[in-house]
Amino acid sequence: MLAACSINAVLGLGQAYRFGSPEPGKIADLIVIDRDFVELAGRGDAVLAWTTRVQATIFDGAVVFKSQE
């Protein structure tokens, strides 16, 4: 799911040189979450996946949201 929304999407558009993975020189908007979502997906733990909380959002290189928790 994560790859489908990131690197695979831009590969299909031929834009991987600009977007899709966190590397120097690439454009990236991202979120910071409170748990290891990849591990939850591997366990099939849908309950914890649905309760994952965003801790911060970075858009165009600037923090636009930071959780107060």
PDB file of N, CA and C in Angstrom:
ATOM      1  N   MET A   1       0.821  -1.175   0.000  1.00  0.00           N
ATOM      2  CA  MET A   1       0.000   0.000   0.000  1.00  0.00           C
ATOM      3  C   MET A   1       0.873   1.248   0.000  1.00  0.00           C
ATOM      4  N   LEU A   2       1.894   1.271   0.854  1.00  0.00           N
ATOM      5  CA  LEU A   2       2.765   2.447   0.905  1.00  0.00           C
ATOM      6  C   LEU A   2       3.503   2.654  -0.403  1.00  0.00           C
ATOM      7  N   ALA A   3       4.008   1.575  -0.983  1.00  0.00           N
ATOM      8  CA  ALA A   3       4.712   1.688  -2.266  1.00  0.00           C
ATOM      9  C   ALA A   3       3.753   2.132  -3.370  1.00  0.00           C
ATOM     10  N   ALA A   4       2.513   1.665  -3.320  1.00  0.00           N
ATOM     11  CA  ALA A   4       1.540   2.052  -4.344  1.00  0.00           C
ATOM     12  C   ALA A   4       1.252   3.547  -4.303  1.00  0.00           C
ATOM     13  N   CYS A   5       1.305   4.129  -3.123  1.00  0.00           N
ATOM     14  CA  CYS A   5       1.027   5.557  -2.962  1.00  0.00           C
ATOM     15  C   CYS A   5       2.268   6.433  -3.104  1.00  0.00           C
ATOM     16  N   SER A   6       3.407   5.829  -3.242  1.00  0.00           N
ATOM     17  CA  SER A   6       4.629   6.632  -3.304  1.00  0.00           C
ATOM     18  C   SER A   6       5.437   6.295  -4.547  1.00  0.00           C
ATOM     19  N   ILE A   7       6.422   5.440  -4.422  1.00  0.00           N
ATOM     20  CA  ILE A   7       7.361   5.199  -5.514  1.00  0.00           C
ATOM     21  C   ILE A   7       6.693   4.567  -6.738  1.00  0.00           C
ATOM     22  N   ASN A   8       5.773   3.622  -6.546  1.00  0.00           N
ATOM     23  CA  ASN A   8       5.142   2.983  -7.709  1.00  0.00           C
ATOM     24  C   ASN A   8       4.279   3.957  -8.502  1.00  0.00           C
ATOM     25  N   ALA A   9       3.629   4.879  -7.809  1.00  0.00           N
ATOM     26  CA  ALA A   9       2.807   5.872  -8.505  1.00  0.00           C
ATOM     27  C   ALA A   9       3.657   6.765  -9.403  1.00  0.00           C
ATOM     28  N   VAL A  10       4.786   7.226  -8.900  1.00  0.00           N
ATOM     29  CA  VAL A  10       5.621   8.108  -9.727  1.00  0.00           C
ATOM     30  C   VAL A  10       6.387   7.345 -10.794  1.00  0.00           C
ATOM     31  N   LEU A  11       6.687   6.078 -10.544  1.00  0.00           N
ATOM     32  CA  LEU A  11       7.309   5.266 -11.592  1.00  0.00           C
ATOM     33  C   LEU A  11       6.368   5.155 -12.793  1.00  0.00           C
ATOM     34  N   GLY A  12       5.097   4.946 -12.519  1.00  0.00           N
ATOM     35  CA  GLY A  12       4.107   4.851 -13.587  1.00  0.00           C
ATOM     36  C   GLY A  12       3.974   6.141 -14.381  1.00  0.00           C
ATOM     37  N   LEU A  13       4.234   7.257 -13.734  1.00  0.00           N
ATOM     38  CA  LEU A  13       4.153   8.560 -14.403  1.00  0.00           C
ATOM     39  C   LEU A  13       5.492   8.993 -14.992  1.00  0.00           C
ATOM     40  N   GLY A  14       6.538   8.186 -14.768  1.00  0.00           N
ATOM     41  CA  GLY A  14       7.860   8.548 -15.264  1.00  0.00           C
ATOM     42  C   GLY A  14       8.473   9.719 -14.525  1.00  0.00           C
ATOM     43  N   GLN A  15       8.125   9.888 -13.260  1.00  0.00           N
ATOM     44  CA  GLN A  15       8.581  11.033 -12.478  1.00  0.00           C
ATOM     45  C   GLN A  15       9.459  10.646 -11.294  1.00  0.00           C
ATOM     46  N   ALA A  16       9.998   9.426 -11.271  1.00  0.00           N
ATOM     47  CA  ALA A  16      10.769   8.956 -10.114  1.00  0.00           C
ATOM     48  C   ALA A  16      12.030   9.779  -9.873  1.00  0.00           C
ATOM     49  N   TYR A  17      12.514  10.479 -10.881  1.00  0.00           N
ATOM     50  CA  TYR A  17      13.689  11.330 -10.685  1.00  0.00           C
ATOM     51  C   TYR A  17      13.348  12.570  -9.861  1.00  0.00           C
ATOM     52  N   ARG A  18      12.054  12.880  -9.707  1.00  0.00           N
ATOM     53  CA  ARG A  18      11.624  14.067  -8.961  1.00  0.00           C
ATOM     54  C   ARG A  18      10.913  13.769  -7.655  1.00  0.00           C
ATOM     55  N   PHE A  19      10.161  12.661  -7.600  1.00  0.00           N
ATOM     56  CA  PHE A  19       9.263  12.367  -6.479  1.00  0.00           C
ATOM     57  C   PHE A  19       9.359  10.905  -6.062  1.00  0.00           C
ATOM     58  N   GLY A  20       8.682  10.539  -4.955  1.00  0.00           N
ATOM     59  CA  GLY A  20       8.397   9.154  -4.622  1.00  0.00           C
ATOM     60  C   GLY A  20       9.273   8.488  -3.592  1.00  0.00           C
ATOM     61  N   SER A  21      10.426   9.069  -3.300  1.00  0.00           N
ATOM     62  CA  SER A  21      11.290   8.482  -2.271  1.00  0.00           C
ATOM     63  C   SER A  21      12.067   9.608  -1.593  1.00  0.00           C
ATOM     64  N   PRO A  22      12.373   9.434  -0.310  1.00  0.00           N
ATOM     65  CA  PRO A  22      13.065  10.497   0.436  1.00  0.00           C
ATOM     66  C   PRO A  22      14.571  10.507   0.132  1.00  0.00           C
ATOM     67  N   GLU A  23      14.957  11.302  -0.853  1.00  0.00           N
ATOM     68  CA  GLU A  23      16.357  11.416  -1.243  1.00  0.00           C
ATOM     69  C   GLU A  23      16.708  12.878  -1.469  1.00  0.00           C
ATOM     70  N   PRO A  24      17.966  13.236  -1.253  1.00  0.00           N
ATOM     71  CA  PRO A  24      18.375  14.622  -1.510  1.00  0.00           C
ATOM     72  C   PRO A  24      18.057  15.042  -2.943  1.00  0.00           C
ATOM     73  N   GLY A  25      17.507  16.240  -3.068  1.00  0.00           N
ATOM     74  CA  GLY A  25      17.195  16.779  -4.379  1.00  0.00           C
ATOM     75  C   GLY A  25      15.811  16.453  -4.895  1.00  0.00           C
ATOM     76  N   LYS A  26      15.083  15.567  -4.200  1.00  0.00           N
ATOM     77  CA  LYS A  26      13.729  15.222  -4.624  1.00  0.00           C
ATOM     78  C   LYS A  26      12.712  16.048  -3.847  1.00  0.00           C
ATOM     79  N   ILE A  27      11.567  16.240  -4.463  1.00  0.00           N
ATOM     80  CA  ILE A  27      10.463  16.937  -3.821  1.00  0.00           C
ATOM     81  C   ILE A  27       9.695  15.913  -2.988  1.00  0.00           C
ATOM     82  N   ALA A  28       9.437  16.234  -1.721  1.00  0.00           N
ATOM     83  CA  ALA A  28       8.750  15.269  -0.871  1.00  0.00           C
ATOM     84  C   ALA A  28       7.846  15.973   0.133  1.00  0.00           C
ATOM     85  N   ASP A  29       6.615  15.546   0.177  1.00  0.00           N
ATOM     86  CA  ASP A  29       5.686  15.904   1.240  1.00  0.00           C
ATOM     87  C   ASP A  29       5.511  14.618   2.030  1.00  0.00           C
ATOM     88  N   LEU A  30       5.540  14.713   3.352  1.00  0.00           N
ATOM     89  CA  LEU A  30       5.455  13.486   4.133  1.00  0.00           C
ATOM     90  C   LEU A  30       4.806  13.718   5.476  1.00  0.00           C
ATOM     91  N   ILE A  31       4.465  12.593   6.104  1.00  0.00           N
ATOM     92  CA  ILE A  31       3.917  12.628   7.452  1.00  0.00           C
ATOM     93  C   ILE A  31       4.811  11.801   8.366  1.00  0.00           C
ATOM     94  N   VAL A  32       4.774  12.137   9.648  1.00  0.00           N
ATOM     95  CA  VAL A  32       5.450  11.366  10.687  1.00  0.00           C
ATOM     96  C   VAL A  32       4.333  10.754  11.526  1.00  0.00           C
ATOM     97  N   ILE A  33       4.370   9.431  11.681  1.00  0.00           N
ATOM     98  CA  ILE A  33       3.319   8.754  12.434  1.00  0.00           C
ATOM     99  C   ILE A  33       3.866   8.156  13.725  1.00  0.00           C
ATOM    100  N   ASP A  34       2.961   7.747  14.600  1.00  0.00           N
ATOM    101  CA  ASP A  34       3.347   7.335  15.950  1.00  0.00           C
ATOM    102  C   ASP A  34       3.704   5.859  16.096  1.00  0.00           C
ATOM    103  N   ARG A  35       3.781   5.124  14.999  1.00  0.00           N
ATOM    104  CA  ARG A  35       4.157   3.711  15.084  1.00  0.00           C
ATOM    105  C   ARG A  35       4.712   3.237  13.754  1.00  0.00           C
ATOM    106  N   ASP A  36       5.247   2.039  13.756  1.00  0.00           N
ATOM    107  CA  ASP A  36       5.835   1.438  12.568  1.00  0.00           C
ATOM    108  C   ASP A  36       4.714   0.816  11.732  1.00  0.00           C
ATOM    109  N   PHE A  37       4.241   1.573  10.759  1.00  0.00           N
ATOM    110  CA  PHE A  37       3.100   1.139   9.960  1.00  0.00           C
ATOM    111  C   PHE A  37       3.435  -0.081   9.111  1.00  0.00           C
ATOM    112  N   VAL A  38       4.657  -0.202   8.661  1.00  0.00           N
ATOM    113  CA  VAL A  38       5.065  -1.352   7.858  1.00  0.00           C
ATOM    114  C   VAL A  38       4.973  -2.629   8.685  1.00  0.00           C
ATOM    115  N   GLU A  39       5.398  -2.563   9.935  1.00  0.00           N
ATOM    116  CA  GLU A  39       5.304  -3.741  10.814  1.00  0.00           C
ATOM    117  C   GLU A  39       3.844  -4.109  11.064  1.00  0.00           C
ATOM    118  N   LEU A  40       2.984  -3.121  11.271  1.00  0.00           N
ATOM    119  CA  LEU A  40       1.557  -3.407  11.482  1.00  0.00           C
ATOM    120  C   LEU A  40       0.955  -4.089  10.266  1.00  0.00           C
ATOM    121  N   ALA A  41       1.310  -3.614   9.088  1.00  0.00           N
ATOM    122  CA  ALA A  41       0.785  -4.216   7.860  1.00  0.00           C
ATOM    123  C   ALA A  41       1.258  -5.662   7.742  1.00  0.00           C
ATOM    124  N   GLY A  42       2.508  -5.919   8.103  1.00  0.00           N
ATOM    125  CA  GLY A  42       3.040  -7.282   8.055  1.00  0.00           C
ATOM    126  C   GLY A  42       2.325  -8.218   9.013  1.00  0.00           C
ATOM    127  N   ARG A  43       1.881  -7.683  10.140  1.00  0.00           N
ATOM    128  CA  ARG A  43       1.143  -8.495  11.117  1.00  0.00           C
ATOM    129  C   ARG A  43      -0.331  -8.605  10.773  1.00  0.00           C
ATOM    130  N   GLY A  44      -0.797  -7.752   9.863  1.00  0.00           N
ATOM    131  CA  GLY A  44      -2.224  -7.734   9.539  1.00  0.00           C
ATOM    132  C   GLY A  44      -3.047  -7.132  10.657  1.00  0.00           C
ATOM    133  N   ASP A  45      -2.463  -6.230  11.428  1.00  0.00           N
ATOM    134  CA  ASP A  45      -3.127  -5.637  12.586  1.00  0.00           C
ATOM    135  C   ASP A  45      -3.916  -4.397  12.174  1.00  0.00           C
ATOM    136  N   ALA A  46      -5.115  -4.633  11.645  1.00  0.00           N
ATOM    137  CA  ALA A  46      -5.936  -3.542  11.134  1.00  0.00           C
ATOM    138  C   ALA A  46      -6.388  -2.586  12.232  1.00  0.00           C
ATOM    139  N   VAL A  47      -6.619  -3.088  13.443  1.00  0.00           N
ATOM    140  CA  VAL A  47      -7.082  -2.220  14.533  1.00  0.00           C
ATOM    141  C   VAL A  47      -6.027  -1.172  14.849  1.00  0.00           C
ATOM    142  N   LEU A  48      -4.779  -1.592  15.032  1.00  0.00           N
ATOM    143  CA  LEU A  48      -3.733  -0.622  15.315  1.00  0.00           C
ATOM    144  C   LEU A  48      -3.460   0.262  14.108  1.00  0.00           C
ATOM    145  N   ALA A  49      -3.587  -0.286  12.909  1.00  0.00           N
ATOM    146  CA  ALA A  49      -3.381   0.528  11.708  1.00  0.00           C
ATOM    147  C   ALA A  49      -4.393   1.671  11.656  1.00  0.00           C
ATOM    148  N   TRP A  50      -5.643   1.384  11.970  1.00  0.00           N
ATOM    149  CA  TRP A  50      -6.677   2.418  11.910  1.00  0.00           C
ATOM    150  C   TRP A  50      -6.547   3.450  13.020  1.00  0.00           C
ATOM    151  N   THR A  51      -5.840   3.120  14.084  1.00  0.00           N
ATOM    152  CA  THR A  51      -5.685   4.083  15.179  1.00  0.00           C
ATOM    153  C   THR A  51      -4.346   4.808  15.131  1.00  0.00           C
ATOM    154  N   THR A  52      -3.586   4.619  14.066  1.00  0.00           N
ATOM    155  CA  THR A  52      -2.315   5.324  13.898  1.00  0.00           C
ATOM    156  C   THR A  52      -2.583   6.820  13.839  1.00  0.00           C
ATOM    157  N   ARG A  53      -1.744   7.596  14.548  1.00  0.00           N
ATOM    158  CA  ARG A  53      -1.945   9.043  14.614  1.00  0.00           C
ATOM    159  C   ARG A  53      -0.776   9.768  13.948  1.00  0.00           C
ATOM    160  N   VAL A  54      -1.113  10.815  13.226  1.00  0.00           N
ATOM    161  CA  VAL A  54      -0.099  11.653  12.584  1.00  0.00           C
ATOM    162  C   VAL A  54       0.513  12.564  13.638  1.00  0.00           C
ATOM    163  N   GLN A  55       1.839  12.569  13.719  1.00  0.00           N
ATOM    164  CA  GLN A  55       2.561  13.416  14.669  1.00  0.00           C
ATOM    165  C   GLN A  55       3.012  14.728  14.032  1.00  0.00           C
ATOM    166  N   ALA A  56       3.299  14.689  12.726  1.00  0.00           N
ATOM    167  CA  ALA A  56       3.720  15.904  12.018  1.00  0.00           C
ATOM    168  C   ALA A  56       3.473  15.718  10.529  1.00  0.00           C
ATOM    169  N   THR A  57       3.268  16.846   9.848  1.00  0.00           N
ATOM    170  CA  THR A  57       3.121  16.863   8.396  1.00  0.00           C
ATOM    171  C   THR A  57       4.107  17.875   7.838  1.00  0.00           C
ATOM    172  N   ILE A  58       4.863  17.446   6.828  1.00  0.00           N
ATOM    173  CA  ILE A  58       5.829  18.323   6.169  1.00  0.00           C
ATOM    174  C   ILE A  58       5.367  18.486   4.733  1.00  0.00           C
ATOM    175  N   PHE A  59       5.166  19.728   4.323  1.00  0.00           N
ATOM    176  CA  PHE A  59       4.695  20.046   2.981  1.00  0.00           C
ATOM    177  C   PHE A  59       5.613  21.081   2.366  1.00  0.00           C
ATOM    178  N   ASP A  60       6.144  20.764   1.206  1.00  0.00           N
ATOM    179  CA  ASP A  60       7.032  21.670   0.492  1.00  0.00           C
ATOM    180  C   ASP A  60       8.201  22.121   1.373  1.00  0.00           C
ATOM    181  N   GLY A  61       8.706  21.180   2.179  1.00  0.00           N
ATOM    182  CA  GLY A  61       9.873  21.439   3.011  1.00  0.00           C
ATOM    183  C   GLY A  61       9.610  22.137   4.336  1.00  0.00           C
ATOM    184  N   ALA A  62       8.351  22.456   4.633  1.00  0.00           N
ATOM    185  CA  ALA A  62       8.030  23.156   5.878  1.00  0.00           C
ATOM    186  C   ALA A  62       7.079  22.309   6.732  1.00  0.00           C
ATOM    187  N   VAL A  63       7.282  22.329   8.042  1.00  0.00           N
ATOM    188  CA  VAL A  63       6.376  21.637   8.960  1.00  0.00           C
ATOM    189  C   VAL A  63       5.094  22.467   9.014  1.00  0.00           C
ATOM    190  N   VAL A  64       3.995  21.892   8.544  1.00  0.00           N
ATOM    191  CA  VAL A  64       2.714  22.603   8.526  1.00  0.00           C
ATOM    192  C   VAL A  64       1.769  22.101   9.610  1.00  0.00           C
ATOM    193  N   PHE A  65       2.121  20.975  10.229  1.00  0.00           N
ATOM    194  CA  PHE A  65       1.321  20.469  11.343  1.00  0.00           C
ATOM    195  C   PHE A  65       2.263  19.743  12.294  1.00  0.00           C
ATOM    196  N   LYS A  66       2.086  19.975  13.587  1.00  0.00           N
ATOM    197  CA  LYS A  66       2.819  19.238  14.613  1.00  0.00           C
ATOM    198  C   LYS A  66       1.858  18.954  15.747  1.00  0.00           C
ATOM    199  N   SER A  67       1.741  17.665  16.098  1.00  0.00           N
ATOM    200  CA  SER A  67       0.826  17.253  17.158  1.00  0.00           C
ATOM    201  C   SER A  67       1.228  17.884  18.485  1.00  0.00           C
ATOM    202  N   GLN A  68       0.229  18.174  19.293  1.00  0.00           N
ATOM    203  CA  GLN A  68       0.461  18.747  20.617  1.00  0.00           C
ATOM    204  C   GLN A  68       0.646  17.665  21.678  1.00  0.00           C
ATOM    205  N   GLU A  69       0.538  16.398  21.280  1.00  0.00           N
ATOM    206  CA  GLU A  69       0.657  15.281  22.240  1.00  0.00           C
ATOM    207  C   GLU A  69       2.090  15.025  22.586  1.00  0.00           C
TER     208      GLU A  69
END
